[in-house]
Each structure stands twice: as structure tokens, then as C-alpha cells.
Amino acid sequence: MPTLYSYLVDADSQYILTEDGERIVLEAIDYEITGTDWRRIASCGRIPFVRSFDVRRTDSGAWAVTLNKMKYIGTYPDRNAALLVVLGFFTNAQASDDGAEVSMSWQLTQGASSIDDLQEGDVGYVP
């Protein structure tokens, strides 16, 4: 299962490492690649690059995706679907899945991007 990470960094955006030289993980966000249906949405958009993304839980329980702080993409039934849409925009811009995951993790680490937490009742929620 792929995972996005948010790491601890210093004021100069350098990773803070443990004594073993490992990055310190602040948050790990798992998601499932369940198919290409949600990712295909990105092929309809004209976003040549993704500098930031926000995945927000709406009051209705749907998940909204915004790219580059201003471009609202749409709402989706669960957080996984919303993350697959974001992943689709990265890969549509010629990134590999692994490259997209690294870029998304870096954006989360820098605070340029954000993903709301799952709540009880959400698909994938684990107490």
C-alpha cells in the first residue's frame, strides 16, 4: 500500500534525522491504488504542474480537491478517491507513481499541501 509522509524539517527545510540517519516521520498517510477510474479525471484537466494540493473533508462528508491553492477540481466520495485524483494529476504531468509520491510527500512536509484526517464513519477509518 503506498504511503505519503510528512517529515520533520528545520528552518532551512533540511530533514532532521535520527541518530541512525533516518528521517523523522510526523505523519504517514496510507492510500490504496484501486484502479485507474479516479486517476483518469486528471486527463480532463489542464494543469501542467502541481505545486500544491489540498484534500479537505466537507461538511457533507465528501472530500474536496484543490490544486495550486486556487484551482478547485471537485468532490469525491472518500479520501482515497480524492488522493487518486491528485496522484492522477501528478502522473498526467509525466511523473511516475513513485516520483509523484515523493513530490506529494515533500509538499506535505513543507506545508505547501494538506490532507484532512479521517473521521469515524469515513471509508478507511481506523480508531
N, C-alpha and C. Protein backbone atom coordinates (compact mmCIF):
# COMPACT_ATOMS: atom_id res chain seq x y z
N MET A 1 0.85 -1.17 0.00
CA MET A 1 0.00 0.00 0.00
C MET A 1 0.89 1.24 0.00
N PRO A 2 0.72 2.15 -0.95
CA PRO A 2 1.54 3.37 -0.99
C PRO A 2 1.26 4.25 0.23
N THR A 3 2.26 5.02 0.60
CA THR A 3 2.14 5.90 1.75
C THR A 3 2.75 7.25 1.43
N LEU A 4 2.06 8.32 1.83
CA LEU A 4 2.60 9.67 1.77
C LEU A 4 3.11 10.01 3.16
N TYR A 5 4.22 10.75 3.23
CA TYR A 5 4.81 11.09 4.51
C TYR A 5 4.96 12.59 4.67
N SER A 6 4.87 13.04 5.91
CA SER A 6 5.24 14.39 6.28
C SER A 6 6.40 14.23 7.26
N TYR A 7 7.55 14.86 6.93
CA TYR A 7 8.75 14.69 7.74
C TYR A 7 9.06 15.96 8.53
N LEU A 8 9.81 15.81 9.59
CA LEU A 8 10.27 16.93 10.39
C LEU A 8 11.45 17.58 9.68
N VAL A 9 11.38 18.90 9.49
CA VAL A 9 12.45 19.66 8.85
C VAL A 9 12.82 20.85 9.71
N ASP A 10 14.02 21.38 9.48
CA ASP A 10 14.45 22.56 10.23
C ASP A 10 14.05 23.83 9.48
N ALA A 11 14.48 24.98 9.97
CA ALA A 11 14.10 26.27 9.38
C ALA A 11 14.61 26.43 7.96
N ASP A 12 15.64 25.67 7.58
CA ASP A 12 16.19 25.74 6.23
C ASP A 12 15.63 24.65 5.32
N SER A 13 14.55 24.01 5.76
CA SER A 13 13.88 22.94 5.01
C SER A 13 14.76 21.71 4.82
N GLN A 14 15.69 21.50 5.72
CA GLN A 14 16.52 20.30 5.69
C GLN A 14 15.89 19.26 6.61
N TYR A 15 15.90 18.01 6.18
CA TYR A 15 15.34 16.95 7.02
C TYR A 15 16.12 16.85 8.33
N ILE A 16 15.40 16.67 9.43
CA ILE A 16 16.02 16.38 10.71
C ILE A 16 16.08 14.86 10.82
N LEU A 17 17.27 14.33 11.09
CA LEU A 17 17.49 12.90 11.07
C LEU A 17 17.68 12.34 12.48
N THR A 18 17.37 11.06 12.62
CA THR A 18 17.63 10.35 13.87
C THR A 18 19.13 10.03 13.94
N GLU A 19 19.56 9.45 15.05
CA GLU A 19 20.97 9.04 15.17
C GLU A 19 21.35 8.03 14.11
N ASP A 20 20.37 7.27 13.62
CA ASP A 20 20.62 6.27 12.59
C ASP A 20 20.59 6.85 11.18
N GLY A 21 20.36 8.16 11.06
CA GLY A 21 20.31 8.80 9.76
C GLY A 21 18.98 8.71 9.05
N GLU A 22 17.94 8.30 9.76
CA GLU A 22 16.59 8.17 9.18
C GLU A 22 15.82 9.48 9.36
N ARG A 23 14.97 9.80 8.40
CA ARG A 23 14.10 10.97 8.53
C ARG A 23 13.07 10.73 9.63
N ILE A 24 12.72 11.79 10.34
CA ILE A 24 11.71 11.70 11.39
C ILE A 24 10.34 11.93 10.76
N VAL A 25 9.46 10.94 10.86
CA VAL A 25 8.14 10.99 10.26
C VAL A 25 7.16 11.66 11.22
N LEU A 26 6.50 12.72 10.75
CA LEU A 26 5.47 13.37 11.53
C LEU A 26 4.11 12.72 11.31
N GLU A 27 3.87 12.33 10.05
CA GLU A 27 2.59 11.73 9.70
C GLU A 27 2.78 10.80 8.51
N ALA A 28 2.09 9.68 8.55
CA ALA A 28 2.08 8.73 7.44
C ALA A 28 0.64 8.54 7.00
N ILE A 29 0.38 8.73 5.72
CA ILE A 29 -0.98 8.65 5.17
C ILE A 29 -1.00 7.54 4.13
N ASP A 30 -1.67 6.44 4.45
CA ASP A 30 -1.79 5.32 3.52
C ASP A 30 -2.96 5.54 2.57
N TYR A 31 -2.80 5.05 1.36
CA TYR A 31 -3.91 5.05 0.41
C TYR A 31 -3.76 3.82 -0.47
N GLU A 32 -4.85 3.47 -1.13
CA GLU A 32 -4.86 2.28 -1.98
C GLU A 32 -5.03 2.67 -3.44
N ILE A 33 -4.25 2.05 -4.29
CA ILE A 33 -4.47 2.24 -5.72
C ILE A 33 -5.45 1.16 -6.14
N THR A 34 -6.71 1.57 -6.28
CA THR A 34 -7.79 0.61 -6.50
C THR A 34 -8.17 0.49 -7.97
N GLY A 35 -7.54 1.23 -8.80
CA GLY A 35 -7.88 1.21 -10.22
C GLY A 35 -7.54 2.55 -10.83
N THR A 36 -7.83 2.70 -12.08
CA THR A 36 -7.45 3.95 -12.74
C THR A 36 -8.64 4.89 -12.94
N ASP A 37 -9.84 4.48 -12.55
CA ASP A 37 -11.00 5.33 -12.79
C ASP A 37 -10.85 6.73 -12.23
N TRP A 38 -10.46 6.85 -10.96
CA TRP A 38 -10.34 8.18 -10.35
C TRP A 38 -9.17 8.94 -10.94
N ARG A 39 -8.10 8.25 -11.29
CA ARG A 39 -6.93 8.92 -11.85
C ARG A 39 -7.22 9.48 -13.24
N ARG A 40 -8.16 8.87 -13.96
CA ARG A 40 -8.48 9.34 -15.32
C ARG A 40 -9.05 10.75 -15.32
N ILE A 41 -9.64 11.17 -14.21
CA ILE A 41 -10.19 12.53 -14.13
C ILE A 41 -9.12 13.55 -14.46
N ALA A 42 -7.89 13.29 -14.07
CA ALA A 42 -6.79 14.22 -14.30
C ALA A 42 -6.53 14.43 -15.78
N SER A 43 -6.84 13.45 -16.61
CA SER A 43 -6.58 13.60 -18.05
C SER A 43 -7.52 14.63 -18.68
N CYS A 44 -8.58 14.99 -17.97
CA CYS A 44 -9.53 16.00 -18.47
C CYS A 44 -9.10 17.41 -18.09
N GLY A 45 -8.21 17.51 -17.10
CA GLY A 45 -7.81 18.84 -16.62
C GLY A 45 -6.62 19.38 -17.37
N ARG A 46 -6.50 20.68 -17.35
CA ARG A 46 -5.37 21.32 -18.00
C ARG A 46 -4.49 21.97 -16.94
N ILE A 47 -3.87 21.12 -16.16
CA ILE A 47 -2.97 21.57 -15.09
C ILE A 47 -1.59 21.03 -15.46
N PRO A 48 -0.69 21.88 -15.97
CA PRO A 48 0.61 21.38 -16.41
C PRO A 48 1.54 20.97 -15.27
N PHE A 49 1.30 21.47 -14.06
CA PHE A 49 2.14 21.12 -12.92
C PHE A 49 1.32 21.27 -11.65
N VAL A 50 1.73 20.57 -10.62
CA VAL A 50 1.05 20.65 -9.32
C VAL A 50 2.07 21.14 -8.30
N ARG A 51 1.88 22.37 -7.85
CA ARG A 51 2.79 22.94 -6.85
C ARG A 51 2.26 22.76 -5.45
N SER A 52 0.96 22.50 -5.35
CA SER A 52 0.36 22.22 -4.04
C SER A 52 -0.98 21.54 -4.27
N PHE A 53 -1.45 20.85 -3.24
CA PHE A 53 -2.77 20.23 -3.29
C PHE A 53 -3.36 20.24 -1.88
N ASP A 54 -4.66 20.32 -1.81
CA ASP A 54 -5.36 20.24 -0.54
C ASP A 54 -6.52 19.27 -0.71
N VAL A 55 -6.61 18.32 0.21
CA VAL A 55 -7.70 17.36 0.23
C VAL A 55 -8.44 17.60 1.54
N ARG A 56 -9.66 18.13 1.42
CA ARG A 56 -10.44 18.55 2.59
C ARG A 56 -11.74 17.77 2.70
N ARG A 57 -12.09 17.44 3.93
CA ARG A 57 -13.38 16.80 4.21
C ARG A 57 -14.42 17.91 4.31
N THR A 58 -15.47 17.82 3.52
CA THR A 58 -16.52 18.84 3.54
C THR A 58 -17.55 18.51 4.62
N ASP A 59 -18.42 19.46 4.91
CA ASP A 59 -19.48 19.25 5.90
C ASP A 59 -20.41 18.11 5.51
N SER A 60 -20.55 17.86 4.21
CA SER A 60 -21.43 16.79 3.74
C SER A 60 -20.78 15.41 3.83
N GLY A 61 -19.48 15.37 4.16
CA GLY A 61 -18.76 14.10 4.25
C GLY A 61 -18.01 13.75 2.99
N ALA A 62 -18.19 14.52 1.92
CA ALA A 62 -17.44 14.30 0.69
C ALA A 62 -16.03 14.88 0.88
N TRP A 63 -15.14 14.58 -0.07
CA TRP A 63 -13.76 15.05 0.00
C TRP A 63 -13.47 15.94 -1.20
N ALA A 64 -13.06 17.17 -0.93
CA ALA A 64 -12.80 18.16 -1.98
C ALA A 64 -11.31 18.24 -2.29
N VAL A 65 -11.00 18.40 -3.57
CA VAL A 65 -9.61 18.54 -4.03
C VAL A 65 -9.43 19.92 -4.63
N THR A 66 -8.37 20.60 -4.18
CA THR A 66 -7.97 21.88 -4.75
C THR A 66 -6.49 21.77 -5.10
N LEU A 67 -6.13 22.21 -6.29
CA LEU A 67 -4.73 22.19 -6.72
C LEU A 67 -4.20 23.61 -6.82
N ASN A 68 -2.93 23.77 -6.54
CA ASN A 68 -2.24 25.06 -6.67
C ASN A 68 -2.96 26.19 -5.92
N LYS A 69 -3.56 25.84 -4.79
CA LYS A 69 -4.23 26.74 -3.85
C LYS A 69 -5.48 27.43 -4.40
N MET A 70 -5.71 27.38 -5.70
CA MET A 70 -6.83 28.13 -6.26
C MET A 70 -7.71 27.34 -7.21
N LYS A 71 -7.24 26.24 -7.74
CA LYS A 71 -7.98 25.50 -8.76
C LYS A 71 -8.78 24.38 -8.11
N TYR A 72 -10.07 24.62 -7.92
CA TYR A 72 -10.96 23.61 -7.36
C TYR A 72 -11.19 22.54 -8.43
N ILE A 73 -10.94 21.28 -8.07
CA ILE A 73 -11.07 20.18 -9.02
C ILE A 73 -12.43 19.50 -8.88
N GLY A 74 -12.86 19.22 -7.65
CA GLY A 74 -14.16 18.58 -7.46
C GLY A 74 -14.24 17.90 -6.10
N THR A 75 -15.39 17.25 -5.85
CA THR A 75 -15.57 16.49 -4.62
C THR A 75 -15.72 15.02 -4.97
N TYR A 76 -15.27 14.18 -4.03
CA TYR A 76 -15.21 12.74 -4.25
C TYR A 76 -15.74 12.01 -3.03
N PRO A 77 -16.17 10.77 -3.19
CA PRO A 77 -16.89 10.08 -2.11
C PRO A 77 -16.04 9.73 -0.90
N ASP A 78 -14.72 9.58 -1.08
CA ASP A 78 -13.87 9.25 0.06
C ASP A 78 -12.47 9.82 -0.16
N ARG A 79 -11.68 9.81 0.89
CA ARG A 79 -10.34 10.41 0.82
C ARG A 79 -9.45 9.67 -0.16
N ASN A 80 -9.57 8.35 -0.23
CA ASN A 80 -8.75 7.58 -1.16
C ASN A 80 -9.00 8.01 -2.60
N ALA A 81 -10.27 8.17 -2.96
CA ALA A 81 -10.60 8.62 -4.33
C ALA A 81 -10.00 9.99 -4.60
N ALA A 82 -10.09 10.89 -3.61
CA ALA A 82 -9.54 12.23 -3.77
C ALA A 82 -8.02 12.18 -3.96
N LEU A 83 -7.35 11.33 -3.19
CA LEU A 83 -5.90 11.19 -3.33
C LEU A 83 -5.52 10.60 -4.68
N LEU A 84 -6.33 9.68 -5.19
CA LEU A 84 -6.06 9.12 -6.52
C LEU A 84 -6.21 10.17 -7.61
N VAL A 85 -7.16 11.08 -7.44
CA VAL A 85 -7.31 12.17 -8.40
C VAL A 85 -6.05 13.04 -8.39
N VAL A 86 -5.57 13.38 -7.19
CA VAL A 86 -4.34 14.18 -7.08
C VAL A 86 -3.17 13.42 -7.71
N LEU A 87 -3.03 12.14 -7.39
CA LEU A 87 -1.98 11.32 -7.98
C LEU A 87 -2.08 11.33 -9.51
N GLY A 88 -3.29 11.27 -10.02
CA GLY A 88 -3.51 11.32 -11.47
C GLY A 88 -2.99 12.60 -12.10
N PHE A 89 -3.18 13.73 -11.41
CA PHE A 89 -2.65 15.00 -11.94
C PHE A 89 -1.14 14.99 -11.97
N PHE A 90 -0.52 14.41 -10.96
CA PHE A 90 0.95 14.31 -10.96
C PHE A 90 1.43 13.43 -12.09
N THR A 91 0.82 12.24 -12.25
CA THR A 91 1.29 11.31 -13.28
C THR A 91 0.91 11.81 -14.67
N ASN A 92 -0.18 12.57 -14.78
CA ASN A 92 -0.55 13.17 -16.06
C ASN A 92 0.50 14.18 -16.51
N ALA A 93 1.21 14.76 -15.54
CA ALA A 93 2.28 15.71 -15.84
C ALA A 93 3.62 14.98 -15.97
N GLN A 94 3.58 13.70 -16.33
CA GLN A 94 4.75 12.88 -16.66
C GLN A 94 5.53 12.37 -15.46
N ALA A 95 4.96 12.40 -14.26
CA ALA A 95 5.64 11.82 -13.10
C ALA A 95 5.28 10.33 -13.01
N SER A 96 6.21 9.53 -12.50
CA SER A 96 5.90 8.13 -12.21
C SER A 96 5.12 8.10 -10.89
N ASP A 97 4.53 6.96 -10.57
CA ASP A 97 3.83 6.84 -9.28
C ASP A 97 4.80 7.13 -8.13
N ASP A 98 6.01 6.56 -8.20
CA ASP A 98 6.99 6.78 -7.14
C ASP A 98 7.42 8.24 -7.07
N GLY A 99 7.63 8.85 -8.23
CA GLY A 99 8.02 10.26 -8.26
C GLY A 99 6.92 11.16 -7.73
N ALA A 100 5.68 10.81 -8.06
CA ALA A 100 4.54 11.58 -7.56
C ALA A 100 4.46 11.48 -6.04
N GLU A 101 4.68 10.27 -5.52
CA GLU A 101 4.64 10.07 -4.06
C GLU A 101 5.71 10.89 -3.36
N VAL A 102 6.91 10.95 -3.93
CA VAL A 102 7.99 11.74 -3.35
C VAL A 102 7.62 13.23 -3.38
N SER A 103 7.11 13.70 -4.50
CA SER A 103 6.71 15.11 -4.62
C SER A 103 5.58 15.46 -3.67
N MET A 104 4.58 14.59 -3.59
CA MET A 104 3.46 14.84 -2.70
C MET A 104 3.93 14.86 -1.24
N SER A 105 4.81 13.93 -0.87
CA SER A 105 5.33 13.89 0.49
C SER A 105 6.13 15.16 0.81
N TRP A 106 6.93 15.62 -0.15
CA TRP A 106 7.72 16.84 0.05
C TRP A 106 6.80 18.04 0.24
N GLN A 107 5.74 18.13 -0.56
CA GLN A 107 4.80 19.24 -0.42
C GLN A 107 4.09 19.21 0.93
N LEU A 108 3.76 18.02 1.41
CA LEU A 108 3.16 17.89 2.75
C LEU A 108 4.16 18.32 3.83
N THR A 109 5.41 17.89 3.68
CA THR A 109 6.45 18.23 4.65
C THR A 109 6.67 19.73 4.73
N GLN A 110 6.66 20.39 3.58
CA GLN A 110 6.90 21.83 3.54
C GLN A 110 5.68 22.65 3.96
N GLY A 111 4.55 21.99 4.10
CA GLY A 111 3.33 22.72 4.48
C GLY A 111 2.64 23.35 3.28
N ALA A 112 3.13 23.08 2.08
CA ALA A 112 2.50 23.64 0.87
C ALA A 112 1.19 22.93 0.57
N SER A 113 1.05 21.69 1.03
CA SER A 113 -0.12 20.87 0.77
C SER A 113 -0.66 20.31 2.07
N SER A 114 -1.93 19.86 2.03
CA SER A 114 -2.53 19.32 3.25
C SER A 114 -3.59 18.28 2.90
N ILE A 115 -3.78 17.35 3.85
CA ILE A 115 -4.80 16.31 3.74
C ILE A 115 -5.49 16.22 5.09
N ASP A 116 -6.80 16.38 5.10
CA ASP A 116 -7.55 16.25 6.35
C ASP A 116 -7.50 14.82 6.86
N ASP A 117 -7.61 14.67 8.17
CA ASP A 117 -7.63 13.36 8.79
C ASP A 117 -8.97 12.67 8.55
N LEU A 118 -8.93 11.34 8.56
CA LEU A 118 -10.15 10.56 8.51
C LEU A 118 -10.90 10.69 9.83
N GLN A 119 -12.21 10.61 9.76
CA GLN A 119 -13.04 10.65 10.96
C GLN A 119 -13.87 9.38 11.02
N GLU A 120 -14.38 9.09 12.19
CA GLU A 120 -15.23 7.91 12.35
C GLU A 120 -16.37 7.94 11.33
N GLY A 121 -16.59 6.83 10.65
CA GLY A 121 -17.60 6.76 9.61
C GLY A 121 -17.03 6.90 8.21
N ASP A 122 -15.80 7.41 8.08
CA ASP A 122 -15.15 7.55 6.77
C ASP A 122 -14.61 6.20 6.32
N VAL A 123 -14.60 5.97 5.00
CA VAL A 123 -14.00 4.76 4.45
C VAL A 123 -12.51 4.77 4.80
N GLY A 124 -12.02 3.68 5.36
CA GLY A 124 -10.62 3.57 5.72
C GLY A 124 -10.29 4.01 7.12
N TYR A 125 -11.27 4.50 7.87
CA TYR A 125 -11.01 4.98 9.24
C TYR A 125 -10.65 3.80 10.15
N VAL A 126 -9.57 3.99 10.92
CA VAL A 126 -9.16 3.01 11.92
C VAL A 126 -9.03 3.76 13.24
N PRO A 127 -9.79 3.36 14.25
CA PRO A 127 -9.71 4.09 15.53
C PRO A 127 -8.37 3.93 16.23
